[in-house]
Amino acid sequence: MDLGINVSKSESETVVATTGELDVHSAGSLEQALQDLIGQGDSTLVLDLTGLEFLDSTGLGVMVKALKWAQDAGGSLRVVADDEKITKVFTITGLDQALSLTSTTEGNPG
């Protein structure tokens, strides 16, 4: 299954919603999309993984890079995931501590 990427912007943030599988074959397209957005000045990002069915370590690597790029540009990256099999990947790797991980795209993390 391919990775779908949908970008929507509000005054305060840019939401990048993903669907499908984020793996070694599809991570490059997400990396490029995030890099382009940050390069255009959209550095306050919400990465919505609620439509994701699979996530591997390559996808996690893209998120770590994007976090650094966003922070270097004066912004932030918040990751939204509500599927236990997706959030478990963050917990096992310890990235739930490094990345702002929430279960909803609404508002800011608490």
N, C-alpha and C. Protein backbone atom coordinates (compact mmCIF):
# COMPACT_ATOMS: atom_id res chain seq x y z
N MET A 1 0.84 -1.19 0.00
CA MET A 1 0.00 0.00 0.00
C MET A 1 0.88 1.25 0.00
N ASP A 2 0.46 2.24 -0.73
CA ASP A 2 1.21 3.48 -0.84
C ASP A 2 0.92 4.39 0.36
N LEU A 3 1.72 5.44 0.45
CA LEU A 3 1.53 6.45 1.48
C LEU A 3 0.78 7.62 0.87
N GLY A 4 -0.31 8.01 1.51
CA GLY A 4 -1.04 9.20 1.10
C GLY A 4 -0.65 10.36 2.01
N ILE A 5 -0.47 11.53 1.42
CA ILE A 5 -0.10 12.72 2.18
C ILE A 5 -1.05 13.84 1.80
N ASN A 6 -1.70 14.42 2.82
CA ASN A 6 -2.62 15.53 2.60
C ASN A 6 -2.23 16.68 3.52
N VAL A 7 -2.02 17.86 2.96
CA VAL A 7 -1.58 19.01 3.73
C VAL A 7 -2.72 20.02 3.84
N SER A 8 -2.99 20.47 5.06
CA SER A 8 -3.96 21.54 5.28
C SER A 8 -3.35 22.55 6.23
N LYS A 9 -3.63 23.83 5.96
CA LYS A 9 -3.01 24.90 6.74
C LYS A 9 -4.06 25.73 7.47
N SER A 10 -3.69 26.14 8.67
CA SER A 10 -4.50 27.10 9.41
C SER A 10 -3.59 28.28 9.73
N GLU A 11 -4.10 29.25 10.46
CA GLU A 11 -3.28 30.40 10.82
C GLU A 11 -2.09 30.00 11.68
N SER A 12 -2.28 29.01 12.56
CA SER A 12 -1.25 28.71 13.55
C SER A 12 -0.38 27.50 13.23
N GLU A 13 -0.86 26.60 12.34
CA GLU A 13 -0.08 25.39 12.10
C GLU A 13 -0.45 24.76 10.76
N THR A 14 0.41 23.86 10.34
CA THR A 14 0.19 23.10 9.12
C THR A 14 0.04 21.64 9.50
N VAL A 15 -1.08 21.03 9.11
CA VAL A 15 -1.35 19.63 9.42
C VAL A 15 -1.00 18.79 8.20
N VAL A 16 -0.15 17.79 8.42
CA VAL A 16 0.24 16.85 7.38
C VAL A 16 -0.37 15.51 7.77
N ALA A 17 -1.45 15.13 7.09
CA ALA A 17 -2.15 13.89 7.40
C ALA A 17 -1.65 12.78 6.48
N THR A 18 -1.37 11.62 7.07
CA THR A 18 -0.87 10.49 6.30
C THR A 18 -1.86 9.33 6.34
N THR A 19 -1.87 8.56 5.27
CA THR A 19 -2.65 7.34 5.22
C THR A 19 -1.80 6.26 4.57
N GLY A 20 -2.11 5.02 4.91
CA GLY A 20 -1.39 3.90 4.29
C GLY A 20 -0.22 3.42 5.13
N GLU A 21 0.91 3.23 4.46
CA GLU A 21 2.08 2.67 5.13
C GLU A 21 3.27 3.61 5.00
N LEU A 22 3.90 3.89 6.14
CA LEU A 22 5.11 4.71 6.18
C LEU A 22 6.28 3.77 6.45
N ASP A 23 7.00 3.43 5.39
CA ASP A 23 8.08 2.47 5.52
C ASP A 23 9.26 2.87 4.63
N VAL A 24 10.20 1.98 4.48
CA VAL A 24 11.42 2.28 3.72
C VAL A 24 11.10 2.69 2.28
N HIS A 25 10.01 2.21 1.73
CA HIS A 25 9.65 2.52 0.35
C HIS A 25 8.95 3.87 0.20
N SER A 26 8.28 4.33 1.23
CA SER A 26 7.48 5.55 1.12
C SER A 26 8.02 6.72 1.95
N ALA A 27 8.98 6.47 2.82
CA ALA A 27 9.45 7.52 3.73
C ALA A 27 10.03 8.72 2.99
N GLY A 28 10.65 8.48 1.86
CA GLY A 28 11.25 9.58 1.10
C GLY A 28 10.24 10.64 0.68
N SER A 29 9.04 10.21 0.31
CA SER A 29 8.03 11.19 -0.11
C SER A 29 7.57 12.05 1.06
N LEU A 30 7.43 11.46 2.24
CA LEU A 30 7.07 12.25 3.42
C LEU A 30 8.21 13.18 3.81
N GLU A 31 9.43 12.67 3.78
CA GLU A 31 10.59 13.50 4.11
C GLU A 31 10.65 14.72 3.20
N GLN A 32 10.45 14.51 1.89
CA GLN A 32 10.50 15.62 0.94
C GLN A 32 9.37 16.61 1.20
N ALA A 33 8.17 16.11 1.48
CA ALA A 33 7.03 16.99 1.74
C ALA A 33 7.28 17.86 2.98
N LEU A 34 7.79 17.24 4.05
CA LEU A 34 8.06 17.99 5.28
C LEU A 34 9.18 19.00 5.07
N GLN A 35 10.21 18.60 4.36
CA GLN A 35 11.33 19.49 4.08
C GLN A 35 10.86 20.69 3.25
N ASP A 36 10.01 20.44 2.26
CA ASP A 36 9.48 21.52 1.44
C ASP A 36 8.64 22.49 2.25
N LEU A 37 7.77 21.96 3.11
CA LEU A 37 6.92 22.82 3.94
C LEU A 37 7.75 23.71 4.85
N ILE A 38 8.72 23.11 5.52
CA ILE A 38 9.57 23.88 6.44
C ILE A 38 10.37 24.92 5.66
N GLY A 39 10.84 24.54 4.47
CA GLY A 39 11.58 25.47 3.62
C GLY A 39 10.74 26.65 3.17
N GLN A 40 9.42 26.45 3.07
CA GLN A 40 8.49 27.51 2.68
C GLN A 40 8.04 28.35 3.88
N GLY A 41 8.56 28.04 5.06
CA GLY A 41 8.21 28.81 6.24
C GLY A 41 7.12 28.21 7.10
N ASP A 42 6.63 27.03 6.74
CA ASP A 42 5.62 26.35 7.55
C ASP A 42 6.33 25.45 8.54
N SER A 43 6.80 26.04 9.64
CA SER A 43 7.63 25.28 10.57
C SER A 43 6.89 24.81 11.82
N THR A 44 5.62 25.20 11.97
CA THR A 44 4.82 24.67 13.06
C THR A 44 3.92 23.59 12.47
N LEU A 45 4.37 22.34 12.66
CA LEU A 45 3.75 21.22 11.97
C LEU A 45 3.06 20.25 12.92
N VAL A 46 1.95 19.70 12.44
CA VAL A 46 1.27 18.60 13.10
C VAL A 46 1.29 17.44 12.11
N LEU A 47 1.94 16.36 12.49
CA LEU A 47 1.99 15.18 11.64
C LEU A 47 0.93 14.21 12.13
N ASP A 48 -0.14 14.09 11.36
CA ASP A 48 -1.30 13.28 11.73
C ASP A 48 -1.13 11.86 11.18
N LEU A 49 -0.87 10.92 12.08
CA LEU A 49 -0.67 9.53 11.70
C LEU A 49 -1.91 8.67 11.94
N THR A 50 -3.05 9.30 12.22
CA THR A 50 -4.24 8.52 12.57
C THR A 50 -4.74 7.66 11.41
N GLY A 51 -4.36 7.96 10.18
CA GLY A 51 -4.75 7.14 9.04
C GLY A 51 -3.70 6.14 8.62
N LEU A 52 -2.62 6.08 9.39
CA LEU A 52 -1.51 5.18 9.07
C LEU A 52 -1.83 3.76 9.51
N GLU A 53 -1.48 2.79 8.67
CA GLU A 53 -1.70 1.39 8.99
C GLU A 53 -0.41 0.68 9.39
N PHE A 54 0.74 1.25 8.99
CA PHE A 54 2.02 0.62 9.30
C PHE A 54 3.09 1.70 9.40
N LEU A 55 4.01 1.52 10.34
CA LEU A 55 5.12 2.45 10.56
C LEU A 55 6.36 1.65 10.89
N ASP A 56 7.47 1.94 10.19
CA ASP A 56 8.72 1.27 10.53
C ASP A 56 9.77 2.29 10.96
N SER A 57 10.97 1.82 11.22
CA SER A 57 12.03 2.68 11.75
C SER A 57 12.45 3.77 10.76
N THR A 58 12.30 3.52 9.47
CA THR A 58 12.63 4.55 8.49
C THR A 58 11.69 5.73 8.64
N GLY A 59 10.42 5.46 8.87
CA GLY A 59 9.44 6.52 9.10
C GLY A 59 9.75 7.30 10.37
N LEU A 60 10.17 6.59 11.40
CA LEU A 60 10.57 7.28 12.64
C LEU A 60 11.75 8.20 12.39
N GLY A 61 12.69 7.74 11.58
CA GLY A 61 13.86 8.56 11.25
C GLY A 61 13.47 9.86 10.56
N VAL A 62 12.48 9.79 9.67
CA VAL A 62 11.99 10.99 9.00
C VAL A 62 11.43 11.97 10.02
N MET A 63 10.70 11.46 11.00
CA MET A 63 10.11 12.33 12.02
C MET A 63 11.18 13.01 12.88
N VAL A 64 12.23 12.28 13.20
CA VAL A 64 13.32 12.87 13.98
C VAL A 64 14.00 13.98 13.18
N LYS A 65 14.24 13.74 11.90
CA LYS A 65 14.83 14.77 11.04
C LYS A 65 13.91 15.99 10.97
N ALA A 66 12.61 15.74 10.75
CA ALA A 66 11.65 16.83 10.62
C ALA A 66 11.57 17.65 11.90
N LEU A 67 11.67 16.99 13.05
CA LEU A 67 11.67 17.71 14.32
C LEU A 67 12.84 18.67 14.38
N LYS A 68 14.01 18.20 14.00
CA LYS A 68 15.21 19.05 14.01
C LYS A 68 15.06 20.20 13.03
N TRP A 69 14.58 19.91 11.82
CA TRP A 69 14.39 20.98 10.82
C TRP A 69 13.41 22.02 11.32
N ALA A 70 12.30 21.57 11.89
CA ALA A 70 11.28 22.51 12.38
C ALA A 70 11.84 23.37 13.52
N GLN A 71 12.54 22.74 14.46
CA GLN A 71 13.12 23.49 15.57
C GLN A 71 14.18 24.47 15.09
N ASP A 72 15.00 24.06 14.13
CA ASP A 72 16.01 24.96 13.57
C ASP A 72 15.37 26.16 12.89
N ALA A 73 14.15 25.99 12.39
CA ALA A 73 13.42 27.07 11.72
C ALA A 73 12.56 27.86 12.70
N GLY A 74 12.68 27.55 14.00
CA GLY A 74 11.91 28.27 15.02
C GLY A 74 10.52 27.73 15.24
N GLY A 75 10.26 26.53 14.73
CA GLY A 75 8.93 25.95 14.87
C GLY A 75 8.93 24.72 15.74
N SER A 76 7.97 23.83 15.47
CA SER A 76 7.82 22.61 16.27
C SER A 76 7.16 21.54 15.43
N LEU A 77 7.24 20.32 15.93
CA LEU A 77 6.57 19.19 15.30
C LEU A 77 5.82 18.43 16.37
N ARG A 78 4.51 18.28 16.15
CA ARG A 78 3.69 17.47 17.04
C ARG A 78 3.17 16.29 16.24
N VAL A 79 3.25 15.11 16.81
CA VAL A 79 2.81 13.89 16.13
C VAL A 79 1.51 13.41 16.77
N VAL A 80 0.53 13.10 15.92
CA VAL A 80 -0.76 12.62 16.39
C VAL A 80 -0.95 11.18 15.95
N ALA A 81 -1.17 10.31 16.92
CA ALA A 81 -1.41 8.90 16.63
C ALA A 81 -2.37 8.35 17.67
N ASP A 82 -3.35 7.56 17.21
CA ASP A 82 -4.32 6.99 18.15
C ASP A 82 -4.41 5.47 18.06
N ASP A 83 -3.65 4.87 17.15
CA ASP A 83 -3.65 3.43 16.98
C ASP A 83 -2.57 2.82 17.86
N GLU A 84 -2.94 1.85 18.67
CA GLU A 84 -2.00 1.26 19.63
C GLU A 84 -0.77 0.68 18.95
N LYS A 85 -0.93 0.05 17.80
CA LYS A 85 0.24 -0.54 17.14
C LYS A 85 1.20 0.53 16.62
N ILE A 86 0.69 1.71 16.31
CA ILE A 86 1.56 2.82 15.88
C ILE A 86 2.22 3.47 17.09
N THR A 87 1.44 3.77 18.13
CA THR A 87 2.02 4.43 19.31
C THR A 87 3.02 3.53 20.02
N LYS A 88 2.81 2.22 19.93
CA LYS A 88 3.73 1.28 20.56
C LYS A 88 5.14 1.40 19.99
N VAL A 89 5.25 1.69 18.69
CA VAL A 89 6.56 1.87 18.05
C VAL A 89 7.30 3.05 18.70
N PHE A 90 6.56 4.11 18.99
CA PHE A 90 7.17 5.27 19.64
C PHE A 90 7.62 4.93 21.06
N THR A 91 6.78 4.19 21.77
CA THR A 91 7.08 3.83 23.16
C THR A 91 8.29 2.91 23.24
N ILE A 92 8.32 1.89 22.39
CA ILE A 92 9.43 0.92 22.41
C ILE A 92 10.76 1.60 22.12
N THR A 93 10.75 2.55 21.19
CA THR A 93 12.00 3.22 20.79
C THR A 93 12.36 4.40 21.70
N GLY A 94 11.44 4.79 22.56
CA GLY A 94 11.69 5.94 23.43
C GLY A 94 11.41 7.27 22.76
N LEU A 95 10.94 7.24 21.52
CA LEU A 95 10.67 8.49 20.81
C LEU A 95 9.42 9.19 21.31
N ASP A 96 8.62 8.49 22.12
CA ASP A 96 7.47 9.17 22.73
C ASP A 96 7.94 10.25 23.70
N GLN A 97 9.19 10.15 24.15
CA GLN A 97 9.77 11.16 25.04
C GLN A 97 10.39 12.31 24.25
N ALA A 98 10.91 12.02 23.06
CA ALA A 98 11.59 13.04 22.25
C ALA A 98 10.60 13.85 21.41
N LEU A 99 9.57 13.18 20.91
CA LEU A 99 8.58 13.83 20.08
C LEU A 99 7.32 14.13 20.90
N SER A 100 6.66 15.22 20.55
CA SER A 100 5.39 15.54 21.19
C SER A 100 4.33 14.65 20.56
N LEU A 101 3.88 13.64 21.32
CA LEU A 101 2.95 12.65 20.81
C LEU A 101 1.60 12.82 21.50
N THR A 102 0.56 13.08 20.70
CA THR A 102 -0.79 13.24 21.24
C THR A 102 -1.75 12.34 20.46
N SER A 103 -2.97 12.24 20.94
CA SER A 103 -3.95 11.37 20.28
C SER A 103 -4.98 12.15 19.47
N THR A 104 -4.87 13.47 19.41
CA THR A 104 -5.83 14.27 18.67
C THR A 104 -5.14 15.46 18.01
N THR A 105 -5.67 15.90 16.87
CA THR A 105 -5.12 17.06 16.19
C THR A 105 -5.61 18.36 16.80
N GLU A 106 -6.59 18.27 17.70
CA GLU A 106 -7.17 19.47 18.29
C GLU A 106 -6.25 20.09 19.33
N GLY A 107 -6.03 21.40 19.22
CA GLY A 107 -5.29 22.14 20.24
C GLY A 107 -3.85 21.70 20.36
N ASN A 108 -3.22 22.17 21.41
CA ASN A 108 -1.82 21.86 21.67
C ASN A 108 -1.72 20.82 22.76
N PRO A 109 -0.58 20.10 22.80
CA PRO A 109 -0.43 19.09 23.84
C PRO A 109 -0.44 19.70 25.23
N GLY A 110 -0.91 18.93 26.18
CA GLY A 110 -1.06 19.46 27.53
C GLY A 110 0.04 19.20 28.44
